[in-house]
C-alpha cells in the first residue's frame, strides 16, 4: 500500500489536475449453514479510481484493481484521456483528516462463526434459510493537490433470512468491528415478531384507519425517499430540483443523514461527510450530491459521493439516513404493519414502493391479524400523510444507508380496479 501511495502522491505533484481514490483492505464473508456447517471467503484487494480534472473543471475517471505503480500510472493515463468529455465538478470543499492511529482491525472467521452460531442457538424453532456475517476492514485514501486524506472503516454486519408462510423475512444488525461481537437479542426479537405476524393469514384491513409502519416495512419507504433525493435523480426531475427551500412534506418530517459510529468522515471524492439535513420540518434543504451532480444543478456539494462497486463509479448515496422523532397523536384504533416479505425489488416504478406486508388491526388492547397484503406506497403521497415518527430507528439490511423508524400515517387506503381484477391496496 505504501508503494502505491508514494506513486499516487508523485503523480499528483508532477501532473496538475491528477487525484486518486484508493480503497485497500479485507472483506470477510461467513455464511453459516443452520444444519451446522459454514464457509468463509476472504477478499483482499486494492481498488483505485484515478482522476484527472481539466482547468475548465471537467473530470475524467478510470477505475481498476491495482497492485503496482505501473498499473496506477496506466489507469491515470486512461482518466486523462477521458477528461475533455467528462462532467463538470462543483468546487471542492477543504477538509482536515488526522493521521491514522494504531494498527488496523483484523477480520476474524472465528468471531464470525461464533456470532452466527449464537444466532442459530437462539432461534431453534425458526426455519433459517441463510445466516451471513460480513466484516469490513478497509482503509480509504484520497490523494489530491490539497494533501493526503485517510480513514479506516471497520464494521461488522449480521444478516438473517428466515422462511415464513408467504415468503422470506430478513433481519440484521451492524456495529464496529473492534467492539464486542454484535448482540443477537435484537435480531432474534425482530425476526420472531415478523414470523409471528406471518404465521397464518389474516383478514382484509379497514380502509379508513391510520397506518403504522414498523421498521421492517418503513425501511422500504425510506429507501424510496433516499433514491428520490439523490442528485442524480433530481437532475431528471426539474420540479424536485427546484424544490429547495419549499415545503414539500408536513412539519413532522425532518430527514437527516449522519455518519454512524466508526463511519466515514469524508466521501470518496475527498469531501467532508458533515451531518446533512435534507428536509427540515417539511422544507427541502438539500439533496444527496456527488461533485458532478452538484455542479449539474448549480447547488453546493453535500459530501455524499461514494464508490459503487457494481457500477464501478462514484454515485450520490446516504450514510445513515433517518427521520427525527416526532410524537404522534394518541391512536386508539389503527392498522399496524410489522412484517415485510422480501422481494427482488421494492421500487417497480420511480417513486412507487411495492411490497408484501402483514400486520395487525389494533383496537385498544385487541389485536386482529391482517394480511399479508400487496401494497403500493407512492413515496411522496405517503409521506405527506405523516403524523408522527417513533424513536425506534434501526439499521436495515435490505436498504443500504437507511436507519428506519416506525412511521405513523393518517388513513387513506383504497383498492384501485385494474380491469376486471382489483389491484393491490394503494395508499395516498
Protein backbone atom coordinates (compact mmCIF):
# COMPACT_ATOMS: atom_id res chain seq x y z
CA UNK A 1 0.00 0.00 0.00
CA UNK A 2 2.80 2.47 0.83
CA UNK A 3 4.35 1.99 -2.63
CA UNK A 4 1.02 2.79 -4.32
CA UNK A 5 0.51 5.84 -2.11
CA UNK A 6 4.02 7.05 -2.95
CA UNK A 7 3.32 6.59 -6.66
CA UNK A 8 -0.03 8.41 -6.39
CA UNK A 9 1.49 11.33 -4.48
CA UNK A 10 4.33 11.59 -7.01
CA UNK A 11 1.83 11.69 -9.90
CA UNK A 12 -0.23 14.41 -8.16
CA UNK A 13 2.92 16.53 -7.68
CA UNK A 14 4.00 16.09 -11.30
CA UNK A 15 0.63 16.39 -13.05
CA UNK A 16 -1.75 19.28 -12.31
CA UNK A 17 -5.32 18.01 -12.06
CA UNK A 18 -4.37 14.46 -11.01
CA UNK A 19 -6.01 12.86 -7.98
CA UNK A 20 -6.69 9.33 -6.75
CA UNK A 21 -9.18 7.46 -4.60
CA UNK A 22 -7.77 4.23 -3.12
CA UNK A 23 -9.56 1.54 -1.11
CA UNK A 24 -7.41 -1.18 0.41
CA UNK A 25 -8.24 -3.90 2.89
CA UNK A 26 -10.14 -7.08 3.69
CA UNK A 27 -13.74 -8.16 3.31
CA UNK A 28 -14.68 -11.38 5.10
CA UNK A 29 -17.98 -13.10 4.34
CA UNK A 30 -19.01 -16.02 6.51
CA UNK A 31 -22.13 -17.96 5.51
CA UNK A 32 -23.44 -20.29 8.16
CA UNK A 33 -25.50 -23.37 7.39
CA UNK A 34 -28.23 -23.75 10.03
CA UNK A 35 -27.63 -27.51 9.92
CA UNK A 36 -24.21 -26.93 11.49
CA UNK A 37 -21.60 -26.16 8.84
CA UNK A 38 -20.33 -22.94 7.39
CA UNK A 39 -17.89 -21.44 4.94
CA UNK A 40 -15.96 -18.19 4.77
CA UNK A 41 -14.39 -16.25 1.93
CA UNK A 42 -11.79 -13.51 2.25
CA UNK A 43 -11.39 -10.82 -0.40
CA UNK A 44 -8.19 -8.78 -0.09
CA UNK A 45 -7.77 -6.19 -2.79
CA UNK A 46 -6.79 -2.65 -3.66
CA UNK A 47 -9.22 -0.69 -5.84
CA UNK A 48 -8.14 2.63 -7.37
CA UNK A 49 -10.13 5.32 -9.13
CA UNK A 50 -7.72 7.59 -10.98
CA UNK A 51 -9.00 11.07 -11.82
CA UNK A 52 -7.85 13.93 -13.99
CA UNK A 53 -9.56 17.33 -13.78
CA UNK A 54 -9.04 19.90 -16.51
CA UNK A 55 -8.51 23.60 -15.93
CA UNK A 56 -12.15 24.10 -17.01
CA UNK A 57 -13.35 21.79 -14.21
CA UNK A 58 -14.15 18.66 -16.24
CA UNK A 59 -13.16 15.28 -14.82
CA UNK A 60 -12.20 12.01 -16.43
CA UNK A 61 -12.02 8.82 -14.36
CA UNK A 62 -10.74 5.27 -14.74
CA UNK A 63 -11.22 2.50 -12.19
CA UNK A 64 -9.49 -0.82 -11.65
CA UNK A 65 -7.83 -3.24 -9.26
CA UNK A 66 -4.21 -2.22 -8.93
CA UNK A 67 -1.13 -3.80 -7.36
CA UNK A 68 1.83 -1.91 -8.89
CA UNK A 69 2.87 1.68 -9.56
CA UNK A 70 2.92 0.96 -13.29
CA UNK A 71 -0.72 -0.14 -13.24
CA UNK A 72 -1.65 3.01 -11.32
CA UNK A 73 0.08 5.19 -13.94
CA UNK A 74 -1.73 3.44 -16.81
CA UNK A 75 -5.03 3.96 -15.00
CA UNK A 76 -4.36 7.69 -14.63
CA UNK A 77 -3.47 8.00 -18.32
CA UNK A 78 -6.88 6.49 -19.17
CA UNK A 79 -8.53 9.06 -16.89
CA UNK A 80 -6.64 11.92 -18.53
CA UNK A 81 -7.73 10.79 -21.99
CA UNK A 82 -11.39 10.93 -20.88
CA UNK A 83 -11.31 14.27 -19.08
CA UNK A 84 -12.11 16.58 -22.03
CA UNK A 85 -15.56 14.97 -22.38
CA UNK A 86 -16.08 14.44 -18.65
CA UNK A 87 -18.69 16.09 -16.39
CA UNK A 88 -18.19 19.46 -14.73
CA UNK A 89 -17.47 19.42 -10.99
CA UNK A 90 -18.68 21.55 -8.12
CA UNK A 91 -15.92 23.45 -6.31
CA UNK A 92 -14.10 21.28 -3.75
CA UNK A 93 -14.54 21.88 -0.03
CA UNK A 94 -11.42 21.84 2.15
CA UNK A 95 -11.34 19.05 4.74
CA UNK A 96 -8.98 18.06 7.51
CA UNK A 97 -8.00 14.45 8.14
CA UNK A 98 -5.99 13.49 11.23
CA UNK A 99 -3.28 10.85 10.78
CA UNK A 100 -4.26 7.21 11.22
CA UNK A 101 -3.51 5.90 14.68
CA UNK A 102 -2.54 2.36 15.69
CA UNK A 103 -2.87 -0.86 13.70
CA UNK A 104 -5.91 -1.65 11.60
CA UNK A 105 -8.57 -4.03 12.92
CA UNK A 106 -8.39 -7.62 11.70
CA UNK A 107 -11.25 -9.63 10.24
CA UNK A 108 -11.81 -12.91 12.09
CA UNK A 109 -13.50 -16.06 10.76
CA UNK A 110 -13.69 -17.43 14.33
CA UNK A 111 -15.52 -14.32 15.53
CA UNK A 112 -17.91 -14.50 12.58
CA UNK A 113 -18.58 -18.20 13.19
CA UNK A 114 -19.30 -17.61 16.87
CA UNK A 115 -21.77 -14.83 16.07
CA UNK A 116 -23.64 -17.00 13.55
CA UNK A 117 -23.77 -19.96 15.94
CA UNK A 118 -25.13 -17.77 18.75
CA UNK A 119 -27.91 -16.56 16.45
CA UNK A 120 -28.88 -20.09 15.40
CA UNK A 121 -28.88 -21.30 19.01
CA UNK A 122 -31.28 -18.50 19.96
CA UNK A 123 -33.75 -19.41 17.19
CA UNK A 124 -34.07 -23.21 17.27
CA UNK A 125 -37.74 -23.01 16.26
CA UNK A 126 -37.22 -20.85 13.15
CA UNK A 127 -36.62 -22.17 9.64
CA UNK A 128 -33.46 -20.25 8.81
CA UNK A 129 -32.55 -20.03 5.13
CA UNK A 130 -29.31 -18.08 5.49
CA UNK A 131 -27.14 -16.53 8.19
CA UNK A 132 -24.43 -14.22 6.86
CA UNK A 133 -21.76 -12.31 8.79
CA UNK A 134 -19.79 -9.70 6.86
CA UNK A 135 -16.72 -7.96 8.27
CA UNK A 136 -15.05 -4.96 6.62
CA UNK A 137 -11.58 -3.66 7.49
CA UNK A 138 -10.88 -1.01 4.83
CA UNK A 139 -8.53 1.94 4.59
CA UNK A 140 -9.72 4.76 2.32
CA UNK A 141 -7.25 7.28 0.90
CA UNK A 142 -7.87 10.37 -1.21
CA UNK A 143 -4.69 11.75 -2.76
CA UNK A 144 -5.05 15.23 -4.22
CA UNK A 145 -3.19 18.53 -4.52
CA UNK A 146 -4.59 19.63 -1.13
CA UNK A 147 -2.91 16.66 0.55
CA UNK A 148 -3.49 13.06 1.63
CA UNK A 149 -6.72 12.21 3.47
CA UNK A 150 -7.06 8.77 5.09
CA UNK A 151 -9.52 6.99 7.31
CA UNK A 152 -10.47 3.47 8.31
CA UNK A 153 -13.90 1.87 8.17
CA UNK A 154 -14.10 -1.27 10.31
CA UNK A 155 -17.60 -2.71 10.63
CA UNK A 156 -19.42 -5.98 11.20
CA UNK A 157 -22.85 -6.86 9.80
CA UNK A 158 -25.19 -9.74 10.60
CA UNK A 159 -27.92 -10.64 8.10
CA UNK A 160 -30.51 -13.36 8.71
CA UNK A 161 -33.10 -14.71 6.29
CA UNK A 162 -35.89 -16.95 7.63
CA UNK A 163 -38.75 -18.78 5.97
CA UNK A 164 -42.28 -17.52 6.62
CA UNK A 165 -45.56 -18.84 5.22
CA UNK A 166 -45.86 -16.38 2.28
CA UNK A 167 -42.10 -16.00 1.66
CA UNK A 168 -38.91 -15.00 3.46
CA UNK A 169 -38.27 -12.25 6.01
CA UNK A 170 -34.97 -10.57 6.79
CA UNK A 171 -33.43 -9.01 9.91
CA UNK A 172 -29.95 -7.77 10.71
CA UNK A 173 -27.61 -5.67 12.83
CA UNK A 174 -24.47 -3.60 12.28
CA UNK A 175 -21.74 -2.34 14.58
CA UNK A 176 -18.00 -1.58 14.90
CA UNK A 177 -15.65 -4.50 14.24
CA UNK A 178 -13.40 -3.58 17.16
CA UNK A 179 -16.23 -3.73 19.73
CA UNK A 180 -17.60 -6.83 21.42
CA UNK A 181 -19.49 -9.10 18.99
CA UNK A 182 -22.88 -7.84 17.89
CA UNK A 183 -25.68 -8.71 20.35
CA UNK A 184 -28.12 -11.08 18.71
CA UNK A 185 -31.06 -10.37 21.07
CA UNK A 186 -32.46 -7.51 18.95
CA UNK A 187 -32.18 -9.55 15.75
CA UNK A 188 -33.90 -12.53 17.39
CA UNK A 189 -36.72 -10.35 18.73
CA UNK A 190 -37.28 -8.68 15.35
CA UNK A 191 -37.26 -11.98 13.47
CA UNK A 192 -39.71 -13.60 15.88
CA UNK A 193 -42.07 -10.64 15.60
CA UNK A 194 -42.12 -10.88 11.80
CA UNK A 195 -42.59 -14.66 11.82
CA UNK A 196 -45.41 -14.43 14.37
CA UNK A 197 -47.19 -11.89 12.16
CA UNK A 198 -46.99 -14.09 9.06
CA UNK A 199 -47.58 -17.50 10.66
CA UNK A 200 -51.22 -17.53 9.46
CA UNK A 201 -53.32 -15.49 7.01
CA UNK A 202 -55.45 -12.64 8.33
CA UNK A 203 -58.42 -10.67 7.09
CA UNK A 204 -58.58 -7.55 4.91
CA UNK A 205 -57.89 -4.21 6.63
CA UNK A 206 -60.31 -1.37 7.33
CA UNK A 207 -59.68 1.39 4.80
CA UNK A 208 -60.17 4.47 6.97
CA UNK A 209 -57.76 3.52 9.76
CA UNK A 210 -54.50 5.38 10.42
CA UNK A 211 -51.46 3.37 9.39
CA UNK A 212 -48.37 2.48 11.43
CA UNK A 213 -45.35 1.13 9.53
CA UNK A 214 -42.83 -0.62 11.79
CA UNK A 215 -39.12 -0.57 10.80
CA UNK A 216 -39.11 -3.72 8.58
CA UNK A 217 -41.82 -2.05 6.44
CA UNK A 218 -40.92 1.63 6.78
CA UNK A 219 -37.38 0.89 5.58
CA UNK A 220 -38.76 0.41 2.06
CA UNK A 221 -40.40 3.86 2.13
CA UNK A 222 -37.25 5.49 3.49
CA UNK A 223 -35.19 3.71 0.85
CA UNK A 224 -37.50 5.15 -1.81
CA UNK A 225 -37.09 8.62 -0.31
CA UNK A 226 -33.29 8.26 -0.34
CA UNK A 227 -33.46 7.38 -4.04
CA UNK A 228 -35.77 10.33 -4.78
CA UNK A 229 -33.45 12.85 -3.07
CA UNK A 230 -30.31 11.67 -4.87
CA UNK A 231 -28.72 14.38 -7.00
CA UNK A 232 -28.55 12.04 -10.00
CA UNK A 233 -32.34 11.52 -9.83
CA UNK A 234 -33.07 15.22 -9.25
CA UNK A 235 -31.21 16.08 -12.46
CA UNK A 236 -34.05 14.41 -14.41
CA UNK A 237 -36.81 15.85 -12.19
CA UNK A 238 -36.93 19.66 -12.63
CA UNK A 239 -39.74 20.08 -10.08
CA UNK A 240 -37.74 18.35 -7.36
CA UNK A 241 -34.53 20.19 -8.26
CA UNK A 242 -36.41 23.49 -7.94
CA UNK A 243 -37.97 22.50 -4.62
CA UNK A 244 -35.11 23.68 -2.39
CA UNK A 245 -36.47 25.97 0.32
CA UNK A 246 -40.07 24.89 -0.30
CA UNK A 247 -42.36 22.89 1.97
CA UNK A 248 -42.84 19.53 0.25
CA UNK A 249 -43.82 17.49 3.33
CA UNK A 250 -45.63 18.01 6.65
CA UNK A 251 -43.80 19.65 9.55
CA UNK A 252 -43.48 16.26 11.27
CA UNK A 253 -40.86 15.23 8.69
CA UNK A 254 -37.21 16.11 9.38
CA UNK A 255 -34.76 13.95 7.43
CA UNK A 256 -31.07 13.83 8.36
CA UNK A 257 -28.05 11.86 7.19
CA UNK A 258 -25.43 11.26 9.90
CA UNK A 259 -22.30 9.10 9.82
CA UNK A 260 -22.68 6.02 12.07
CA UNK A 261 -20.17 5.32 14.82
CA UNK A 262 -16.89 4.35 13.22
CA UNK A 263 -18.20 5.53 9.84
CA UNK A 264 -16.91 7.89 7.20
CA UNK A 265 -15.51 11.38 7.83
CA UNK A 266 -15.07 12.18 4.12
CA UNK A 267 -16.57 10.73 0.96
CA UNK A 268 -14.78 9.09 -1.95
CA UNK A 269 -14.25 12.46 -3.64
CA UNK A 270 -12.43 13.88 -0.61
CA UNK A 271 -15.39 15.99 0.54
CA UNK A 272 -16.39 16.28 4.21
CA UNK A 273 -19.20 13.94 5.34
CA UNK A 274 -20.60 16.61 7.65
CA UNK A 275 -24.06 16.00 9.16
CA UNK A 276 -26.61 16.77 6.48
CA UNK A 277 -30.21 17.94 6.93
CA UNK A 278 -32.13 17.15 3.75
CA UNK A 279 -35.62 18.05 4.96
CA UNK A 280 -36.28 20.33 7.94
CA UNK A 281 -39.83 20.40 9.32
CA UNK A 282 -41.13 19.53 5.86
CA UNK A 283 -38.94 22.03 3.95
CA UNK A 284 -36.46 20.64 1.41
CA UNK A 285 -32.99 21.91 2.38
CA UNK A 286 -30.51 19.75 0.45
CA UNK A 287 -30.00 16.74 -1.81
CA UNK A 288 -27.56 13.85 -1.72
CA UNK A 289 -24.80 15.07 -4.04
CA UNK A 290 -21.58 13.98 -5.59
CA UNK A 291 -19.47 16.77 -7.08
CA UNK A 292 -20.75 16.19 -10.67
CA UNK A 293 -24.44 16.16 -9.65
CA UNK A 294 -23.97 19.29 -7.52
CA UNK A 295 -22.35 21.09 -10.47
CA UNK A 296 -25.10 19.97 -12.87
CA UNK A 297 -27.75 21.59 -10.63
CA UNK A 298 -25.62 24.58 -9.58
CA UNK A 299 -26.01 23.54 -5.95
CA UNK A 300 -23.44 23.20 -3.16
CA UNK A 301 -21.91 19.77 -2.70
CA UNK A 302 -23.01 17.63 0.22
CA UNK A 303 -20.11 15.19 0.60
CA UNK A 304 -22.13 12.12 -0.38
CA UNK A 305 -20.25 10.82 -3.43
CA UNK A 306 -19.40 7.16 -2.78
CA UNK A 307 -17.86 4.50 -4.97
CA UNK A 308 -20.40 1.86 -6.03
CA UNK A 309 -18.61 -1.50 -6.62
CA UNK A 310 -21.17 -2.87 -9.08
CA UNK A 311 -21.28 0.33 -11.15
CA UNK A 312 -17.55 0.97 -10.65
CA UNK A 313 -18.38 4.67 -10.34
CA UNK A 314 -19.00 7.32 -7.70
CA UNK A 315 -22.72 7.94 -7.16
CA UNK A 316 -24.66 10.03 -4.58
CA UNK A 317 -25.51 7.78 -1.62
CA UNK A 318 -26.62 8.22 2.01
CA UNK A 319 -24.54 7.21 5.02
CA UNK A 320 -27.18 6.71 7.70
CA UNK A 321 -30.42 8.32 6.56
CA UNK A 322 -33.18 8.59 9.15
CA UNK A 323 -36.18 10.65 10.28
CA UNK A 324 -36.01 12.52 13.58
CA UNK A 325 -38.65 11.51 16.17
CA UNK A 326 -41.95 13.42 16.18
CA UNK A 327 -44.58 12.42 18.75
CA UNK A 328 -47.73 11.09 17.03
CA UNK A 329 -51.25 11.88 18.30
CA UNK A 330 -52.87 9.21 20.52
CA UNK A 331 -54.34 6.42 18.39
CA UNK A 332 -56.99 4.07 19.77
CA UNK A 333 -57.54 2.15 16.54
CA UNK A 334 -55.05 1.72 13.71
CA UNK A 335 -53.53 -0.68 11.18
CA UNK A 336 -50.03 -1.75 12.20
CA UNK A 337 -47.79 -3.38 9.58
CA UNK A 338 -44.93 -5.22 11.29
CA UNK A 339 -43.53 -7.69 8.75
CA UNK A 340 -42.36 -7.43 5.15
CA UNK A 341 -41.85 -10.33 2.76
CA UNK A 342 -38.51 -10.00 0.99
CA UNK A 343 -38.91 -9.44 -2.76
CA UNK A 344 -36.47 -8.95 -5.63
CA UNK A 345 -37.27 -5.24 -5.86
CA UNK A 346 -39.47 -2.78 -3.96
CA UNK A 347 -39.46 0.09 -6.45
CA UNK A 348 -41.20 -1.22 -9.56
CA UNK A 349 -41.73 2.34 -10.84
CA UNK A 350 -39.85 5.53 -9.99
CA UNK A 351 -41.12 6.83 -6.66
CA UNK A 352 -43.57 3.94 -6.13
CA UNK A 353 -42.77 1.35 -3.44
CA UNK A 354 -44.44 -2.04 -3.97
CA UNK A 355 -44.25 -4.67 -1.25
CA UNK A 356 -45.99 -7.53 0.57
CA UNK A 357 -46.58 -6.95 4.28
CA UNK A 358 -48.55 -8.32 7.17
CA UNK A 359 -49.65 -6.91 10.47
CA UNK A 360 -52.45 -6.28 12.92
CA UNK A 361 -55.58 -4.21 13.22
CA UNK A 362 -55.38 -2.72 16.69
CA UNK A 363 -58.40 -1.50 18.67
CA UNK A 364 -57.43 -0.69 22.23
CA UNK A 365 -55.96 -3.91 23.62
CA UNK A 366 -57.48 -6.10 20.90
CA UNK A 367 -55.24 -7.18 18.01
CA UNK A 368 -56.59 -8.92 14.89
CA UNK A 369 -54.26 -10.39 12.28
CA UNK A 370 -54.31 -8.69 8.87
CA UNK A 371 -52.80 -9.75 5.56
CA UNK A 372 -50.41 -10.49 4.05
CA UNK A 373 -51.26 -7.58 1.76
CA UNK A 374 -49.97 -6.41 -1.58
CA UNK A 375 -49.25 -2.71 -1.11
CA UNK A 376 -48.38 0.24 -3.31
CA UNK A 377 -46.93 3.24 -1.49
CA UNK A 378 -46.20 6.33 -3.61
CA UNK A 379 -43.30 7.82 -1.63
CA UNK A 380 -44.28 11.49 -1.82
CA UNK A 381 -48.02 10.95 -1.28
CA UNK A 382 -47.39 8.53 1.59
CA UNK A 383 -45.02 10.83 3.46
CA UNK A 384 -47.35 13.81 3.02
CA UNK A 385 -49.68 11.93 5.39
CA UNK A 386 -47.01 11.59 8.10
CA UNK A 387 -48.37 12.43 11.56
CA UNK A 388 -45.59 11.00 13.74
CA UNK A 389 -42.20 9.26 13.91
CA UNK A 390 -41.21 6.88 16.72
CA UNK A 391 -37.81 6.89 18.44
CA UNK A 392 -37.06 3.26 17.48
CA UNK A 393 -34.93 3.56 14.32
CA UNK A 394 -32.80 0.56 13.43
CA UNK A 395 -30.43 -0.46 10.67
CA UNK A 396 -31.97 -2.01 7.58
CA UNK A 397 -30.12 -4.94 5.98
CA UNK A 398 -32.13 -4.56 2.76
CA UNK A 399 -31.69 -0.83 2.11
CA UNK A 400 -28.12 0.47 2.20
CA UNK A 401 -27.57 3.62 4.21
CA UNK A 402 -31.02 3.63 5.86
CA UNK A 403 -31.89 3.70 9.59
CA UNK A 404 -35.64 3.05 9.69
CA UNK A 405 -38.04 4.19 12.46
CA UNK A 406 -41.74 3.45 12.85
CA UNK A 407 -43.90 5.86 10.81
CA UNK A 408 -47.42 6.99 11.76
CA UNK A 409 -49.67 7.98 8.83
CA UNK A 410 -53.19 9.32 8.51
CA UNK A 411 -55.72 6.88 7.00
CA UNK A 412 -56.29 6.66 3.27
CA UNK A 413 -56.33 3.15 1.79
CA UNK A 414 -58.05 2.35 -1.48
CA UNK A 415 -58.08 -0.66 -3.77
CA UNK A 416 -57.94 0.54 -7.38
CA UNK A 417 -59.64 -1.57 -10.01
CA UNK A 418 -57.42 -2.77 -12.84
CA UNK A 419 -59.88 -4.01 -15.41
CA UNK A 420 -61.90 -6.90 -14.01
CA UNK A 421 -59.30 -7.69 -11.32
CA UNK A 422 -58.92 -5.49 -8.22
CA UNK A 423 -55.38 -4.17 -7.83
CA UNK A 424 -53.24 -4.12 -4.72
CA UNK A 425 -54.01 -1.80 -1.83
CA UNK A 426 -52.73 1.67 -2.58
CA UNK A 427 -52.01 4.46 -0.13
CA UNK A 428 -52.39 8.15 -0.80
